[in-house]
């Protein structure tokens, strides 16, 4: 989505990397007396990388100097520095523990480095111990967990996201309880407050549909705060992203327009069209064909694709080619806004329809 610029590229593994198995007691480098070592105490599930997911990873360091720093990597085709290119170092706490977030990978690595080390964004293989590299540890990702919970909406099965922010599972970033259907079959998405943080809702279709016409009927969203975001978009976990968006948000700026159509990458000026979303129930269309995608908004709940449009735009440049993308719908607070979310919010979708 528009606020997220980091993209993972899935590529064939370029060479063999020695992986040290993850055990119940964690994984650590071999160390002799006086040599530092690194342990993993919590490791994410092994899966192919995606820029849309962050999982907790943590451990401890033995024998670190006060000037040493930790650099984390995740293996997805190549080794990617974690959690972000602009944030490549992880703090080592006074009790020798460390904790960070990482994008998924099939394996993970931690490097203890001195001030001379400049971590690259990617690496085909990990560096060896020596010079600025004082210790190195690798570990396989944990075994896959239970399948994502699902719900039925408009005749389709949707996978509902659940994401924890800490090892113990006491803090959630996404909660399946924040997405449900009522007796009318309408889909409800909610942003809720739990203690000192916000919990969002996110779901995606269980299968890819490809080219065709996608229709979303959404009840009035004029009540949303400027930093709340409702997004309906395509996303391909296996890459490239194939992302095309209908987003309702002012991104924390009350004076700006509250809607946009996007063909990624959003940083290309002609790939984003901003507009003011009308009040009341609206029908949003995305008609995606080879080399062309038409976005349209019609007032009310409508199944007539020929109805007069309140807002419409056609992109013919940079339109994604169909692949393994799936439709996703989420409601979340934009955390980088000047005016942050202050209240819980809820959005209701009456219907989703796909026509090839």
Protein backbone atom coordinates (compact mmCIF):
# COMPACT_ATOMS: atom_id res chain seq x y z
CA UNK A 1 0.00 0.00 0.00
CA UNK A 2 0.91 3.58 -0.39
CA UNK A 3 2.59 3.99 2.97
CA UNK A 4 4.85 0.98 2.53
CA UNK A 5 7.82 1.25 0.24
CA UNK A 6 9.94 -1.82 1.12
CA UNK A 7 9.47 -4.70 -1.31
CA UNK A 8 10.82 -8.26 -1.08
CA UNK A 9 11.87 -9.95 -4.31
CA UNK A 10 11.44 -13.69 -4.37
CA UNK A 11 14.26 -15.26 -6.36
CA UNK A 12 15.89 -18.70 -6.59
CA UNK A 13 18.32 -19.42 -3.79
CA UNK A 14 21.75 -18.47 -5.06
CA UNK A 15 23.91 -21.11 -3.48
CA UNK A 16 23.83 -23.31 -0.44
CA UNK A 17 23.92 -21.78 3.01
CA UNK A 18 24.83 -23.75 6.08
CA UNK A 19 21.90 -23.61 8.52
CA UNK A 20 22.21 -24.55 12.16
CA UNK A 21 19.09 -26.37 13.37
CA UNK A 22 16.75 -24.69 15.79
CA UNK A 23 16.23 -26.59 19.04
CA UNK A 24 14.10 -26.15 22.11
CA UNK A 25 16.85 -24.23 23.84
CA UNK A 26 17.48 -21.90 20.91
CA UNK A 27 20.45 -21.76 18.59
CA UNK A 28 23.87 -20.23 19.19
CA UNK A 29 27.29 -19.91 17.68
CA UNK A 30 30.06 -22.18 18.85
CA UNK A 31 32.24 -20.21 21.20
CA UNK A 32 35.49 -20.68 22.98
CA UNK A 33 36.46 -18.98 26.17
CA UNK A 34 36.36 -15.24 25.68
CA UNK A 35 34.60 -15.38 22.32
CA UNK A 36 31.12 -13.84 21.97
CA UNK A 37 28.14 -15.96 20.98
CA UNK A 38 24.54 -15.39 19.83
CA UNK A 39 21.43 -17.34 20.81
CA UNK A 40 17.92 -17.39 19.36
CA UNK A 41 15.11 -17.79 21.89
CA UNK A 42 12.14 -17.06 19.60
CA UNK A 43 12.08 -17.63 15.84
CA UNK A 44 9.27 -16.97 13.32
CA UNK A 45 7.70 -19.64 11.16
CA UNK A 46 9.61 -20.66 8.03
CA UNK A 47 7.88 -19.23 4.96
CA UNK A 48 8.66 -17.30 1.81
CA UNK A 49 9.18 -13.58 2.31
CA UNK A 50 6.57 -10.88 1.99
CA UNK A 51 6.88 -7.14 2.78
CA UNK A 52 3.39 -7.15 4.26
CA UNK A 53 4.19 -9.24 7.33
CA UNK A 54 6.42 -8.72 10.36
CA UNK A 55 7.02 -11.33 13.07
CA UNK A 56 8.88 -11.10 16.39
CA UNK A 57 12.35 -12.58 16.67
CA UNK A 58 14.54 -12.50 19.78
CA UNK A 59 17.51 -13.95 21.61
CA UNK A 60 20.56 -13.04 23.64
CA UNK A 61 24.25 -12.28 23.15
CA UNK A 62 27.07 -13.50 25.36
CA UNK A 63 30.30 -11.52 25.48
CA UNK A 64 29.24 -8.41 23.57
CA UNK A 65 31.13 -5.15 24.00
CA UNK A 66 29.26 -1.93 24.71
CA UNK A 67 30.05 -0.66 21.20
CA UNK A 68 28.88 -3.84 19.41
CA UNK A 69 25.67 -3.98 17.41
CA UNK A 70 23.46 -6.74 16.07
CA UNK A 71 22.40 -7.11 12.42
CA UNK A 72 19.57 -9.48 11.48
CA UNK A 73 18.88 -11.15 8.14
CA UNK A 74 16.04 -13.28 6.74
CA UNK A 75 16.58 -15.74 3.88
CA UNK A 76 14.08 -15.45 1.02
CA UNK A 77 15.91 -16.15 -2.20
CA UNK A 78 18.78 -14.05 -0.83
CA UNK A 79 19.53 -12.77 2.65
CA UNK A 80 17.61 -9.53 3.38
CA UNK A 81 18.61 -7.17 6.19
CA UNK A 82 15.89 -6.81 8.86
CA UNK A 83 13.58 -5.28 9.75
CA UNK A 84 14.11 -2.47 7.20
CA UNK A 85 16.89 -1.15 5.00
CA UNK A 86 16.77 2.14 6.91
CA UNK A 87 16.86 0.33 10.26
CA UNK A 88 19.54 -2.38 9.94
CA UNK A 89 20.72 -2.50 13.57
CA UNK A 90 19.04 -4.20 16.54
CA UNK A 91 19.70 -3.01 20.07
CA UNK A 92 21.37 -5.30 22.60
CA UNK A 93 19.82 -4.64 26.00
CA UNK A 94 21.67 -4.32 29.30
CA UNK A 95 20.68 -7.90 30.26
CA UNK A 96 22.25 -9.16 26.97
CA UNK A 97 18.86 -9.88 25.39
CA UNK A 98 17.74 -8.58 22.01
CA UNK A 99 14.34 -8.37 20.35
CA UNK A 100 13.19 -7.13 16.98
CA UNK A 101 10.72 -7.71 14.15
CA UNK A 102 11.54 -9.46 10.89
CA UNK A 103 9.93 -10.15 7.54
CA UNK A 104 9.43 -13.88 6.96
CA UNK A 105 12.08 -16.20 5.55
CA UNK A 106 12.97 -19.86 5.48
CA UNK A 107 15.92 -19.12 7.78
CA UNK A 108 17.24 -16.28 9.92
CA UNK A 109 20.69 -14.97 10.81
CA UNK A 110 22.16 -12.70 13.48
CA UNK A 111 25.56 -11.01 13.22
CA UNK A 112 27.38 -9.36 16.11
CA UNK A 113 29.41 -6.55 14.55
CA UNK A 114 31.59 -3.65 15.55
CA UNK A 115 31.33 -0.07 14.33
CA UNK A 116 33.14 -0.77 11.04
CA UNK A 117 30.40 -2.97 9.60
CA UNK A 118 28.05 -1.49 7.00
CA UNK A 119 25.27 -4.01 6.36
CA UNK A 120 24.17 -4.44 2.73
CA UNK A 121 20.46 -4.59 1.89
CA UNK A 122 20.88 -8.11 0.46
CA UNK A 123 23.58 -10.77 0.33
CA UNK A 124 23.84 -14.01 -1.63
CA UNK A 125 25.73 -15.57 1.28
CA UNK A 126 26.55 -14.55 4.82
CA UNK A 127 29.99 -13.18 5.77
CA UNK A 128 32.40 -15.27 7.82
CA UNK A 129 33.50 -14.49 11.35
CA UNK A 130 36.47 -12.15 11.42
CA UNK A 131 37.25 -8.46 11.01
CA UNK A 132 34.11 -6.47 11.92
CA UNK A 133 32.09 -9.72 12.32
CA UNK A 134 32.59 -10.84 15.91
CA UNK A 135 29.96 -13.62 15.98
CA UNK A 136 27.37 -15.12 13.65
CA UNK A 137 24.45 -17.50 14.20
CA UNK A 138 21.86 -18.94 11.80
CA UNK A 139 18.67 -20.84 12.44
CA UNK A 140 15.90 -22.46 10.43
CA UNK A 141 12.43 -20.96 10.66
CA UNK A 142 10.03 -22.67 13.05
CA UNK A 143 7.58 -25.28 11.68
CA UNK A 144 4.35 -23.88 10.19
CA UNK A 145 1.57 -23.12 12.64
CA UNK A 146 -2.12 -23.90 12.31
CA UNK A 147 -3.92 -22.61 9.19
CA UNK A 148 -5.31 -19.09 9.30
CA UNK A 149 -8.91 -18.80 10.52
CA UNK A 150 -11.48 -18.24 7.78
CA UNK A 151 -14.93 -16.72 7.31
CA UNK A 152 -17.54 -16.76 4.54
CA UNK A 153 -18.57 -13.49 2.90
CA UNK A 154 -20.57 -13.08 -0.31
CA UNK A 155 -20.11 -16.74 -1.21
CA UNK A 156 -16.31 -16.68 -0.91
CA UNK A 157 -13.93 -18.03 1.72
CA UNK A 158 -11.62 -15.43 3.26
CA UNK A 159 -8.53 -16.00 5.41
CA UNK A 160 -8.47 -13.73 8.45
CA UNK A 161 -5.13 -12.43 9.63
CA UNK A 162 -3.80 -12.94 13.15
CA UNK A 163 -0.49 -11.33 14.10
CA UNK A 164 1.18 -11.05 17.49
CA UNK A 165 3.60 -8.35 18.52
CA UNK A 166 5.36 -10.25 21.31
CA UNK A 167 6.66 -13.71 22.01
CA UNK A 168 4.09 -14.60 24.62
CA UNK A 169 1.16 -13.75 22.37
CA UNK A 170 -0.35 -11.26 24.79
CA UNK A 171 -0.24 -8.33 22.36
CA UNK A 172 -1.97 -8.57 18.99
CA UNK A 173 -1.59 -6.34 15.96
CA UNK A 174 -4.29 -8.15 13.96
CA UNK A 175 -7.12 -10.13 15.54
CA UNK A 176 -9.59 -12.47 13.76
CA UNK A 177 -12.23 -11.23 16.21
CA UNK A 178 -12.10 -7.87 14.41
CA UNK A 179 -13.65 -9.34 11.25
CA UNK A 180 -17.06 -11.03 11.24
CA UNK A 181 -20.34 -11.31 9.31
CA UNK A 182 -23.79 -10.47 10.72
CA UNK A 183 -27.20 -12.10 10.15
CA UNK A 184 -27.55 -10.19 6.86
CA UNK A 185 -24.25 -11.58 5.60
CA UNK A 186 -22.59 -8.16 5.81
CA UNK A 187 -18.87 -8.06 6.61
CA UNK A 188 -17.78 -5.97 9.62
CA UNK A 189 -14.19 -4.77 10.07
CA UNK A 190 -13.09 -3.11 13.27
CA UNK A 191 -10.10 -1.30 14.76
CA UNK A 192 -10.21 -1.88 18.51
CA UNK A 193 -8.20 -0.65 21.49
CA UNK A 194 -6.40 -3.16 23.72
CA UNK A 195 -4.56 -1.61 26.63
CA UNK A 196 -2.10 0.84 25.03
CA UNK A 197 -2.27 -0.24 21.40
CA UNK A 198 -4.62 -0.59 18.43
CA UNK A 199 -5.67 -3.91 16.91
CA UNK A 200 -6.60 -4.05 13.22
CA UNK A 201 -8.59 -6.26 10.85
CA UNK A 202 -7.23 -7.86 7.69
CA UNK A 203 -8.53 -10.63 5.44
CA UNK A 204 -7.82 -12.01 1.99
CA UNK A 205 -9.51 -14.32 -0.47
CA UNK A 206 -8.49 -17.95 -0.20
CA UNK A 207 -7.79 -18.12 -3.95
CA UNK A 208 -6.72 -15.97 -6.87
CA UNK A 209 -9.36 -14.83 -9.37
CA UNK A 210 -7.32 -13.00 -12.02
CA UNK A 211 -8.59 -10.55 -14.62
CA UNK A 212 -12.21 -9.45 -14.31
CA UNK A 213 -14.59 -7.07 -12.57
CA UNK A 214 -14.41 -6.71 -8.77
CA UNK A 215 -17.26 -4.98 -6.94
CA UNK A 216 -17.36 -3.84 -3.29
CA UNK A 217 -20.47 -2.32 -1.67
CA UNK A 218 -19.41 -0.30 1.38
CA UNK A 219 -21.57 1.55 3.86
CA UNK A 220 -20.82 5.19 4.73
CA UNK A 221 -17.17 5.78 5.67
CA UNK A 222 -17.43 9.51 6.38
CA UNK A 223 -17.13 8.75 10.12
CA UNK A 224 -13.57 7.46 9.81
CA UNK A 225 -10.86 9.51 11.50
CA UNK A 226 -8.18 11.05 9.25
CA UNK A 227 -5.60 8.41 10.21
CA UNK A 228 -7.90 5.39 9.75
CA UNK A 229 -7.36 3.42 6.53
CA UNK A 230 -9.81 1.19 4.66
CA UNK A 231 -8.09 -0.60 1.78
CA UNK A 232 -9.42 -2.98 -0.89
CA UNK A 233 -6.64 -4.20 -3.15
CA UNK A 234 -4.85 -6.98 -5.01
CA UNK A 235 -1.72 -8.51 -3.51
CA UNK A 236 0.60 -11.33 -4.60
CA UNK A 237 2.59 -12.90 -1.75
CA UNK A 238 4.88 -14.65 -4.20
CA UNK A 239 5.85 -11.42 -5.96
CA UNK A 240 5.85 -9.14 -7.77
CA UNK A 241 3.20 -7.55 -5.61
CA UNK A 242 0.68 -6.91 -8.44
CA UNK A 243 -0.83 -4.34 -6.10
CA UNK A 244 -3.72 -2.14 -7.22
CA UNK A 245 -5.59 -0.23 -4.52
CA UNK A 246 -8.82 1.44 -3.56
CA UNK A 247 -7.91 3.26 -0.34
CA UNK A 248 -10.08 5.44 1.88
CA UNK A 249 -7.96 7.59 4.19
CA UNK A 250 -6.67 11.11 4.75
CA UNK A 251 -3.40 9.60 6.05
CA UNK A 252 -3.66 11.69 9.21
CA UNK A 253 -4.13 15.02 7.41
CA UNK A 254 -7.68 16.33 8.02
CA UNK A 255 -7.44 18.92 5.24
CA UNK A 256 -6.67 16.43 2.43
CA UNK A 257 -8.90 14.33 0.19
CA UNK A 258 -9.95 11.03 1.70
CA UNK A 259 -9.72 8.58 -1.20
CA UNK A 260 -7.30 7.33 -3.82
CA UNK A 261 -6.93 4.83 -6.67
CA UNK A 262 -3.42 3.43 -7.06
CA UNK A 263 -1.45 1.29 -9.47
CA UNK A 264 1.80 0.52 -7.67
CA UNK A 265 4.42 1.82 -7.31
CA UNK A 266 2.64 4.81 -5.79
CA UNK A 267 5.79 6.97 -5.91
CA UNK A 268 5.24 7.38 -9.68
CA UNK A 269 3.04 10.52 -9.79
CA UNK A 270 0.68 9.29 -12.52
CA UNK A 271 0.04 6.07 -10.58
CA UNK A 272 -2.06 7.77 -7.89
CA UNK A 273 -5.39 9.59 -8.29
CA UNK A 274 -6.78 11.35 -5.19
CA UNK A 275 -10.45 12.23 -4.70
CA UNK A 276 -13.10 13.15 -2.12
CA UNK A 277 -15.27 10.15 -1.32
CA UNK A 278 -19.02 10.95 -1.33
CA UNK A 279 -21.01 10.31 1.85
CA UNK A 280 -23.40 7.37 2.14
CA UNK A 281 -23.29 3.80 0.87
CA UNK A 282 -21.07 3.46 -2.20
CA UNK A 283 -20.27 0.79 -4.76
CA UNK A 284 -16.61 0.54 -5.77
CA UNK A 285 -15.61 -1.19 -9.00
CA UNK A 286 -12.20 -2.34 -10.20
CA UNK A 287 -12.38 -3.69 -13.74
CA UNK A 288 -9.00 -5.27 -14.49
CA UNK A 289 -8.07 -6.37 -18.00
CA UNK A 290 -4.69 -6.94 -19.71
CA UNK A 291 -2.93 -3.56 -19.86
CA UNK A 292 -5.88 -1.68 -18.40
CA UNK A 293 -7.65 -1.19 -15.07
CA UNK A 294 -10.75 0.97 -14.57
CA UNK A 295 -11.74 2.22 -11.12
CA UNK A 296 -15.24 3.58 -10.55
CA UNK A 297 -17.43 4.70 -7.65
CA UNK A 298 -21.23 4.71 -7.90
CA UNK A 299 -23.56 6.13 -5.25
CA UNK A 300 -25.67 3.59 -3.38
CA UNK A 301 -25.68 -0.18 -3.55
CA UNK A 302 -25.56 -0.94 -7.25
CA UNK A 303 -25.00 -4.01 -9.42
CA UNK A 304 -25.23 -2.00 -12.66
CA UNK A 305 -21.76 -1.44 -14.05
CA UNK A 306 -23.24 1.07 -16.50
CA UNK A 307 -24.65 3.31 -13.74
CA UNK A 308 -23.39 6.93 -13.76
CA UNK A 309 -20.10 7.22 -11.89
CA UNK A 310 -19.50 9.74 -9.12
CA UNK A 311 -15.75 9.18 -9.57
CA UNK A 312 -13.83 7.14 -12.13
CA UNK A 313 -10.34 6.76 -13.54
CA UNK A 314 -8.66 4.43 -16.05
CA UNK A 315 -4.98 3.42 -15.85
CA UNK A 316 -3.32 2.09 -19.00
CA UNK A 317 0.32 2.37 -17.92
CA UNK A 318 2.07 0.16 -15.38
CA UNK A 319 -0.94 -2.14 -14.96
CA UNK A 320 0.01 -5.47 -13.39
CA UNK A 321 -0.14 -8.76 -15.29
CA UNK A 322 -2.31 -11.38 -13.60
CA UNK A 323 -0.47 -13.93 -11.47
CA UNK A 324 -1.05 -15.33 -7.97
CA UNK A 325 -2.63 -12.18 -6.55
CA UNK A 326 -5.60 -12.32 -4.20
CA UNK A 327 -8.05 -9.66 -3.10
CA UNK A 328 -7.38 -8.24 0.36
CA UNK A 329 -9.49 -5.98 2.55
CA UNK A 330 -8.18 -4.34 5.70
CA UNK A 331 -8.95 -1.61 8.21
CA UNK A 332 -6.08 -0.22 10.25
CA UNK A 333 -4.63 2.97 11.83
CA UNK A 334 -1.90 4.77 9.92
CA UNK A 335 0.83 5.00 12.54
CA UNK A 336 2.99 7.60 10.77
CA UNK A 337 0.37 10.34 10.76
CA UNK A 338 0.62 13.75 12.40
CA UNK A 339 -2.89 13.24 13.80
CA UNK A 340 -3.13 9.67 15.09
CA UNK A 341 -6.27 7.58 15.57
CA UNK A 342 -8.00 8.30 18.89
CA UNK A 343 -11.15 6.18 18.75
CA UNK A 344 -12.24 2.69 17.77
CA UNK A 345 -13.83 2.43 14.33
CA UNK A 346 -15.89 0.01 12.26
CA UNK A 347 -16.66 -0.38 8.57
CA UNK A 348 -19.39 -2.52 6.99
CA UNK A 349 -19.17 -4.11 3.54
CA UNK A 350 -22.53 -5.32 2.25
CA UNK A 351 -21.32 -7.29 -0.72
CA UNK A 352 -18.35 -8.48 -2.76
CA UNK A 353 -18.76 -9.73 -6.33
CA UNK A 354 -16.41 -10.97 -9.02
CA UNK A 355 -17.27 -11.39 -12.70
CA UNK A 356 -14.67 -12.78 -15.13
